Amino acid sequence: MSNEIKYEVIEKIGVISGVDKKWQKELNLISWNGREPKYDIRDWDSSHEKMGKGVTFTRDELKRLRDILIDLEL
């Protein structure tokens, strides 16, 4: 059994930070191991071959996060 994680970046949505650096924190839509795509926030190297730890959200979870952030009135 392989421990290799397979992923496909379905859509690159946006860069959150690190625009001028080798690593960038990004929001993307990613399919992990052939599963239904989820919204994903994590650090990526410039070639998208290496990644840091991140967090994934379903569409409903991302909407809820958006609502929470709006309520913060930043």
PDB file of N, CA and C in Angstrom:
ATOM      1  N   MET A   1       0.842  -1.186   0.000  1.00  0.00           N
ATOM      2  CA  MET A   1       0.000   0.000   0.000  1.00  0.00           C
ATOM      3  C   MET A   1       0.879   1.239   0.000  1.00  0.00           C
ATOM      4  N   SER A   2       0.634   2.136  -0.915  1.00  0.00           N
ATOM      5  CA  SER A   2       1.439   3.340  -1.069  1.00  0.00           C
ATOM      6  C   SER A   2       0.948   4.439  -0.134  1.00  0.00           C
ATOM      7  N   ASN A   3       1.892   5.153   0.475  1.00  0.00           N
ATOM      8  CA  ASN A   3       1.551   6.305   1.319  1.00  0.00           C
ATOM      9  C   ASN A   3       1.572   7.601   0.528  1.00  0.00           C
ATOM     10  N   GLU A   4       1.778   7.482  -0.776  1.00  0.00           N
ATOM     11  CA  GLU A   4       1.854   8.672  -1.616  1.00  0.00           C
ATOM     12  C   GLU A   4       0.486   9.347  -1.713  1.00  0.00           C
ATOM     13  N   ILE A   5       0.490  10.646  -1.473  1.00  0.00           N
ATOM     14  CA  ILE A   5      -0.738  11.431  -1.583  1.00  0.00           C
ATOM     15  C   ILE A   5      -0.840  11.948  -3.008  1.00  0.00           C
ATOM     16  N   LYS A   6      -1.964  11.667  -3.647  1.00  0.00           N
ATOM     17  CA  LYS A   6      -2.173  12.143  -5.006  1.00  0.00           C
ATOM     18  C   LYS A   6      -3.140  13.313  -4.956  1.00  0.00           C
ATOM     19  N   TYR A   7      -2.865  14.316  -5.763  1.00  0.00           N
ATOM     20  CA  TYR A   7      -3.729  15.489  -5.786  1.00  0.00           C
ATOM     21  C   TYR A   7      -3.770  16.073  -7.179  1.00  0.00           C
ATOM     22  N   GLU A   8      -4.866  16.752  -7.459  1.00  0.00           N
ATOM     23  CA  GLU A   8      -5.019  17.475  -8.712  1.00  0.00           C
ATOM     24  C   GLU A   8      -5.564  18.851  -8.387  1.00  0.00           C
ATOM     25  N   VAL A   9      -4.836  19.878  -8.788  1.00  0.00           N
ATOM     26  CA  VAL A   9      -5.313  21.245  -8.594  1.00  0.00           C
ATOM     27  C   VAL A   9      -6.351  21.502  -9.687  1.00  0.00           C
ATOM     28  N   ILE A  10      -7.599  21.588  -9.268  1.00  0.00           N
ATOM     29  CA  ILE A  10      -8.700  21.801 -10.206  1.00  0.00           C
ATOM     30  C   ILE A  10      -8.785  23.266 -10.616  1.00  0.00           C
ATOM     31  N   GLU A  11      -8.608  24.148  -9.628  1.00  0.00           N
ATOM     32  CA  GLU A  11      -8.681  25.590  -9.900  1.00  0.00           C
ATOM     33  C   GLU A  11      -7.781  26.345  -8.928  1.00  0.00           C
ATOM     34  N   LYS A  12      -6.933  27.200  -9.460  1.00  0.00           N
ATOM     35  CA  LYS A  12      -6.132  28.101  -8.635  1.00  0.00           C
ATOM     36  C   LYS A  12      -6.973  29.345  -8.402  1.00  0.00           C
ATOM     37  N   ILE A  13      -7.349  29.568  -7.144  1.00  0.00           N
ATOM     38  CA  ILE A  13      -8.276  30.656  -6.839  1.00  0.00           C
ATOM     39  C   ILE A  13      -7.549  31.943  -6.489  1.00  0.00           C
ATOM     40  N   GLY A  14      -6.519  31.854  -5.631  1.00  0.00           N
ATOM     41  CA  GLY A  14      -5.812  33.080  -5.289  1.00  0.00           C
ATOM     42  C   GLY A  14      -4.669  32.866  -4.323  1.00  0.00           C
ATOM     43  N   VAL A  15      -3.750  33.820  -4.334  1.00  0.00           N
ATOM     44  CA  VAL A  15      -2.603  33.820  -3.428  1.00  0.00           C
ATOM     45  C   VAL A  15      -2.949  34.710  -2.238  1.00  0.00           C
ATOM     46  N   ILE A  16      -2.760  34.175  -1.038  1.00  0.00           N
ATOM     47  CA  ILE A  16      -3.064  34.915   0.186  1.00  0.00           C
ATOM     48  C   ILE A  16      -1.841  35.693   0.661  1.00  0.00           C
ATOM     49  N   SER A  17      -0.666  35.061   0.601  1.00  0.00           N
ATOM     50  CA  SER A  17       0.566  35.741   1.027  1.00  0.00           C
ATOM     51  C   SER A  17       1.777  35.085   0.381  1.00  0.00           C
ATOM     52  N   GLY A  18       2.911  35.790   0.460  1.00  0.00           N
ATOM     53  CA  GLY A  18       4.160  35.255  -0.060  1.00  0.00           C
ATOM     54  C   GLY A  18       4.342  35.435  -1.546  1.00  0.00           C
ATOM     55  N   VAL A  19       3.737  36.462  -2.105  1.00  0.00           N
ATOM     56  CA  VAL A  19       3.764  36.672  -3.554  1.00  0.00           C
ATOM     57  C   VAL A  19       5.187  36.738  -4.102  1.00  0.00           C
ATOM     58  N   ASP A  20       6.111  37.351  -3.385  1.00  0.00           N
ATOM     59  CA  ASP A  20       7.472  37.519  -3.880  1.00  0.00           C
ATOM     60  C   ASP A  20       8.451  36.513  -3.283  1.00  0.00           C
ATOM     61  N   LYS A  21       7.963  35.422  -2.738  1.00  0.00           N
ATOM     62  CA  LYS A  21       8.830  34.454  -2.081  1.00  0.00           C
ATOM     63  C   LYS A  21       8.752  33.107  -2.784  1.00  0.00           C
ATOM     64  N   LYS A  22       9.596  32.157  -2.376  1.00  0.00           N
ATOM     65  CA  LYS A  22       9.596  30.826  -2.981  1.00  0.00           C
ATOM     66  C   LYS A  22       8.363  30.026  -2.582  1.00  0.00           C
ATOM     67  N   TRP A  23       7.787  30.324  -1.413  1.00  0.00           N
ATOM     68  CA  TRP A  23       6.587  29.648  -0.942  1.00  0.00           C
ATOM     69  C   TRP A  23       5.446  30.654  -0.864  1.00  0.00           C
ATOM     70  N   GLN A  24       4.236  30.204  -1.225  1.00  0.00           N
ATOM     71  CA  GLN A  24       3.062  31.072  -1.181  1.00  0.00           C
ATOM     72  C   GLN A  24       1.911  30.353  -0.483  1.00  0.00           C
ATOM     73  N   LYS A  25       1.178  31.099   0.312  1.00  0.00           N
ATOM     74  CA  LYS A  25      -0.055  30.569   0.904  1.00  0.00           C
ATOM     75  C   LYS A  25      -1.162  30.819  -0.105  1.00  0.00           C
ATOM     76  N   GLU A  26      -1.852  29.749  -0.515  1.00  0.00           N
ATOM     77  CA  GLU A  26      -2.834  29.847  -1.588  1.00  0.00           C
ATOM     78  C   GLU A  26      -4.171  29.238  -1.199  1.00  0.00           C
ATOM     79  N   LEU A  27      -5.224  29.733  -1.843  1.00  0.00           N
ATOM     80  CA  LEU A  27      -6.534  29.107  -1.802  1.00  0.00           C
ATOM     81  C   LEU A  27      -6.758  28.470  -3.159  1.00  0.00           C
ATOM     82  N   ASN A  28      -6.966  27.157  -3.156  1.00  0.00           N
ATOM     83  CA  ASN A  28      -7.181  26.414  -4.391  1.00  0.00           C
ATOM     84  C   ASN A  28      -8.315  25.419  -4.206  1.00  0.00           C
ATOM     85  N   LEU A  29      -8.855  24.942  -5.317  1.00  0.00           N
ATOM     86  CA  LEU A  29      -9.812  23.842  -5.309  1.00  0.00           C
ATOM     87  C   LEU A  29      -9.037  22.595  -5.724  1.00  0.00           C
ATOM     88  N   ILE A  30      -8.962  21.603  -4.830  1.00  0.00           N
ATOM     89  CA  ILE A  30      -8.085  20.448  -5.043  1.00  0.00           C
ATOM     90  C   ILE A  30      -8.840  19.151  -4.811  1.00  0.00           C
ATOM     91  N   SER A  31      -8.586  18.190  -5.690  1.00  0.00           N
ATOM     92  CA  SER A  31      -9.071  16.829  -5.499  1.00  0.00           C
ATOM     93  C   SER A  31      -7.935  16.020  -4.879  1.00  0.00           C
ATOM     94  N   TRP A  32      -8.172  15.470  -3.684  1.00  0.00           N
ATOM     95  CA  TRP A  32      -7.174  14.667  -2.981  1.00  0.00           C
ATOM     96  C   TRP A  32      -7.488  13.196  -3.180  1.00  0.00           C
ATOM     97  N   ASN A  33      -6.522  12.447  -3.690  1.00  0.00           N
ATOM     98  CA  ASN A  33      -6.659  10.998  -3.884  1.00  0.00           C
ATOM     99  C   ASN A  33      -7.927  10.627  -4.666  1.00  0.00           C
ATOM    100  N   GLY A  34      -8.238  11.424  -5.685  1.00  0.00           N
ATOM    101  CA  GLY A  34      -9.361  11.139  -6.569  1.00  0.00           C
ATOM    102  C   GLY A  34     -10.731  11.426  -5.979  1.00  0.00           C
ATOM    103  N   ARG A  35     -10.774  12.048  -4.831  1.00  0.00           N
ATOM    104  CA  ARG A  35     -12.055  12.348  -4.183  1.00  0.00           C
ATOM    105  C   ARG A  35     -12.642  13.658  -4.703  1.00  0.00           C
ATOM    106  N   GLU A  36     -13.868  13.936  -4.243  1.00  0.00           N
ATOM    107  CA  GLU A  36     -14.551  15.187  -4.586  1.00  0.00           C
ATOM    108  C   GLU A  36     -13.659  16.376  -4.219  1.00  0.00           C
ATOM    109  N   PRO A  37     -13.506  17.351  -5.117  1.00  0.00           N
ATOM    110  CA  PRO A  37     -12.646  18.503  -4.818  1.00  0.00           C
ATOM    111  C   PRO A  37     -13.123  19.282  -3.597  1.00  0.00           C
ATOM    112  N   LYS A  38     -12.154  19.820  -2.851  1.00  0.00           N
ATOM    113  CA  LYS A  38     -12.429  20.674  -1.701  1.00  0.00           C
ATOM    114  C   LYS A  38     -11.593  21.935  -1.821  1.00  0.00           C
ATOM    115  N   TYR A  39     -12.063  22.974  -1.153  1.00  0.00           N
ATOM    116  CA  TYR A  39     -11.296  24.215  -1.082  1.00  0.00           C
ATOM    117  C   TYR A  39     -10.180  24.003  -0.080  1.00  0.00           C
ATOM    118  N   ASP A  40      -9.006  24.483  -0.423  1.00  0.00           N
ATOM    119  CA  ASP A  40      -7.804  24.133   0.324  1.00  0.00           C
ATOM    120  C   ASP A  40      -6.938  25.376   0.530  1.00  0.00           C
ATOM    121  N   ILE A  41      -6.510  25.597   1.771  1.00  0.00           N
ATOM    122  CA  ILE A  41      -5.574  26.682   2.069  1.00  0.00           C
ATOM    123  C   ILE A  41      -4.309  26.045   2.618  1.00  0.00           C
ATOM    124  N   ARG A  42      -3.181  26.301   1.954  1.00  0.00           N
ATOM    125  CA  ARG A  42      -1.888  25.783   2.411  1.00  0.00           C
ATOM    126  C   ARG A  42      -0.758  26.496   1.682  1.00  0.00           C
ATOM    127  N   ASP A  43       0.468  26.305   2.188  1.00  0.00           N
ATOM    128  CA  ASP A  43       1.668  26.833   1.539  1.00  0.00           C
ATOM    129  C   ASP A  43       2.124  25.871   0.455  1.00  0.00           C
ATOM    130  N   TRP A  44       2.533  26.432  -0.672  1.00  0.00           N
ATOM    131  CA  TRP A  44       3.053  25.665  -1.804  1.00  0.00           C
ATOM    132  C   TRP A  44       4.376  26.267  -2.245  1.00  0.00           C
ATOM    133  N   ASP A  45       5.280  25.408  -2.721  1.00  0.00           N
ATOM    134  CA  ASP A  45       6.489  25.934  -3.358  1.00  0.00           C
ATOM    135  C   ASP A  45       6.107  26.420  -4.763  1.00  0.00           C
ATOM    136  N   SER A  46       7.015  27.090  -5.416  1.00  0.00           N
ATOM    137  CA  SER A  46       6.690  27.726  -6.699  1.00  0.00           C
ATOM    138  C   SER A  46       6.316  26.729  -7.795  1.00  0.00           C
ATOM    139  N   SER A  47       6.772  25.479  -7.688  1.00  0.00           N
ATOM    140  CA  SER A  47       6.464  24.482  -8.719  1.00  0.00           C
ATOM    141  C   SER A  47       5.254  23.611  -8.370  1.00  0.00           C
ATOM    142  N   HIS A  48       4.660  23.834  -7.211  1.00  0.00           N
ATOM    143  CA  HIS A  48       3.536  23.031  -6.708  1.00  0.00           C
ATOM    144  C   HIS A  48       3.902  21.557  -6.554  1.00  0.00           C
ATOM    145  N   GLU A  49       5.171  21.284  -6.289  1.00  0.00           N
ATOM    146  CA  GLU A  49       5.601  19.908  -6.026  1.00  0.00           C
ATOM    147  C   GLU A  49       5.701  19.635  -4.533  1.00  0.00           C
ATOM    148  N   LYS A  50       5.983  20.664  -3.741  1.00  0.00           N
ATOM    149  CA  LYS A  50       6.072  20.526  -2.289  1.00  0.00           C
ATOM    150  C   LYS A  50       5.007  21.395  -1.654  1.00  0.00           C
ATOM    151  N   MET A  51       4.472  20.893  -0.536  1.00  0.00           N
ATOM    152  CA  MET A  51       3.413  21.631   0.135  1.00  0.00           C
ATOM    153  C   MET A  51       3.592  21.570   1.638  1.00  0.00           C
ATOM    154  N   GLY A  52       3.042  22.568   2.316  1.00  0.00           N
ATOM    155  CA  GLY A  52       3.014  22.571   3.767  1.00  0.00           C
ATOM    156  C   GLY A  52       1.685  22.013   4.254  1.00  0.00           C
ATOM    157  N   LYS A  53       1.546  21.977   5.566  1.00  0.00           N
ATOM    158  CA  LYS A  53       0.273  21.535   6.132  1.00  0.00           C
ATOM    159  C   LYS A  53      -0.793  22.575   5.817  1.00  0.00           C
ATOM    160  N   GLY A  54      -2.006  22.089   5.667  1.00  0.00           N
ATOM    161  CA  GLY A  54      -3.078  22.998   5.320  1.00  0.00           C
ATOM    162  C   GLY A  54      -4.400  22.552   5.901  1.00  0.00           C
ATOM    163  N   VAL A  55      -5.441  23.186   5.429  1.00  0.00           N
ATOM    164  CA  VAL A  55      -6.793  22.877   5.875  1.00  0.00           C
ATOM    165  C   VAL A  55      -7.706  22.877   4.650  1.00  0.00           C
ATOM    166  N   THR A  56      -8.653  21.935   4.634  1.00  0.00           N
ATOM    167  CA  THR A  56      -9.587  21.848   3.516  1.00  0.00           C
ATOM    168  C   THR A  56     -11.003  22.138   3.999  1.00  0.00           C
ATOM    169  N   PHE A  57     -11.822  22.638   3.066  1.00  0.00           N
ATOM    170  CA  PHE A  57     -13.196  23.010   3.367  1.00  0.00           C
ATOM    171  C   PHE A  57     -14.118  22.524   2.253  1.00  0.00           C
ATOM    172  N   THR A  58     -15.293  22.054   2.632  1.00  0.00           N
ATOM    173  CA  THR A  58     -16.342  21.845   1.643  1.00  0.00           C
ATOM    174  C   THR A  58     -16.871  23.224   1.254  1.00  0.00           C
ATOM    175  N   ARG A  59     -17.710  23.257   0.240  1.00  0.00           N
ATOM    176  CA  ARG A  59     -18.301  24.532  -0.179  1.00  0.00           C
ATOM    177  C   ARG A  59     -19.109  25.156   0.964  1.00  0.00           C
ATOM    178  N   ASP A  60     -19.901  24.346   1.669  1.00  0.00           N
ATOM    179  CA  ASP A  60     -20.702  24.864   2.779  1.00  0.00           C
ATOM    180  C   ASP A  60     -19.825  25.381   3.918  1.00  0.00           C
ATOM    181  N   GLU A  61     -18.738  24.667   4.218  1.00  0.00           N
ATOM    182  CA  GLU A  61     -17.818  25.117   5.272  1.00  0.00           C
ATOM    183  C   GLU A  61     -17.158  26.430   4.891  1.00  0.00           C
ATOM    184  N   LEU A  62     -16.795  26.565   3.614  1.00  0.00           N
ATOM    185  CA  LEU A  62     -16.164  27.805   3.161  1.00  0.00           C
ATOM    186  C   LEU A  62     -17.144  28.978   3.239  1.00  0.00           C
ATOM    187  N   LYS A  63     -18.400  28.730   2.912  1.00  0.00           N
ATOM    188  CA  LYS A  63     -19.417  29.780   3.043  1.00  0.00           C
ATOM    189  C   LYS A  63     -19.570  30.203   4.502  1.00  0.00           C
ATOM    190  N   ARG A  64     -19.560  29.234   5.408  1.00  0.00           N
ATOM    191  CA  ARG A  64     -19.683  29.541   6.833  1.00  0.00           C
ATOM    192  C   ARG A  64     -18.475  30.348   7.303  1.00  0.00           C
ATOM    193  N   LEU A  65     -17.284  29.973   6.860  1.00  0.00           N
ATOM    194  CA  LEU A  65     -16.074  30.724   7.200  1.00  0.00           C
ATOM    195  C   LEU A  65     -16.183  32.153   6.684  1.00  0.00           C
ATOM    196  N   ARG A  66     -16.664  32.305   5.467  1.00  0.00           N
ATOM    197  CA  ARG A  66     -16.870  33.648   4.911  1.00  0.00           C
ATOM    198  C   ARG A  66     -17.794  34.468   5.803  1.00  0.00           C
ATOM    199  N   ASP A  67     -18.892  33.864   6.229  1.00  0.00           N
ATOM    200  CA  ASP A  67     -19.840  34.572   7.092  1.00  0.00           C
ATOM    201  C   ASP A  67     -19.203  34.979   8.414  1.00  0.00           C
ATOM    202  N   ILE A  68     -18.405  34.092   8.980  1.00  0.00           N
ATOM    203  CA  ILE A  68     -17.706  34.405  10.236  1.00  0.00           C
ATOM    204  C   ILE A  68     -16.753  35.580  10.037  1.00  0.00           C
ATOM    205  N   LEU A  69     -16.005  35.571   8.928  1.00  0.00           N
ATOM    206  CA  LEU A  69     -15.055  36.651   8.663  1.00  0.00           C
ATOM    207  C   LEU A  69     -15.771  37.977   8.424  1.00  0.00           C
ATOM    208  N   ILE A  70     -16.910  37.929   7.748  1.00  0.00           N
ATOM    209  CA  ILE A  70     -17.688  39.153   7.536  1.00  0.00           C
ATOM    210  C   ILE A  70     -18.155  39.714   8.863  1.00  0.00           C
ATOM    211  N   ASP A  71     -18.578  38.838   9.773  1.00  0.00           N
ATOM    212  CA  ASP A  71     -19.035  39.282  11.088  1.00  0.00           C
ATOM    213  C   ASP A  71     -17.919  39.925  11.922  1.00  0.00           C
ATOM    214  N   LEU A  72     -16.675  39.597  11.628  1.00  0.00           N
ATOM    215  CA  LEU A  72     -15.553  40.201  12.349  1.00  0.00           C
ATOM    216  C   LEU A  72     -15.385  41.677  12.015  1.00  0.00           C
ATOM    217  N   GLU A  73     -15.929  42.120  10.896  1.00  0.00           N
ATOM    218  CA  GLU A  73     -15.823  43.505  10.440  1.00  0.00           C
ATOM    219  C   GLU A  73     -14.388  43.991  10.441  1.00  0.00           C
ATOM    220  N   LEU A  74     -13.517  43.242   9.783  1.00  0.00           N
ATOM    221  CA  LEU A  74     -12.098  43.609   9.703  1.00  0.00           C
ATOM    222  C   LEU A  74     -11.875  44.845   8.876  1.00  0.00           C
TER     223      LEU A  74
END
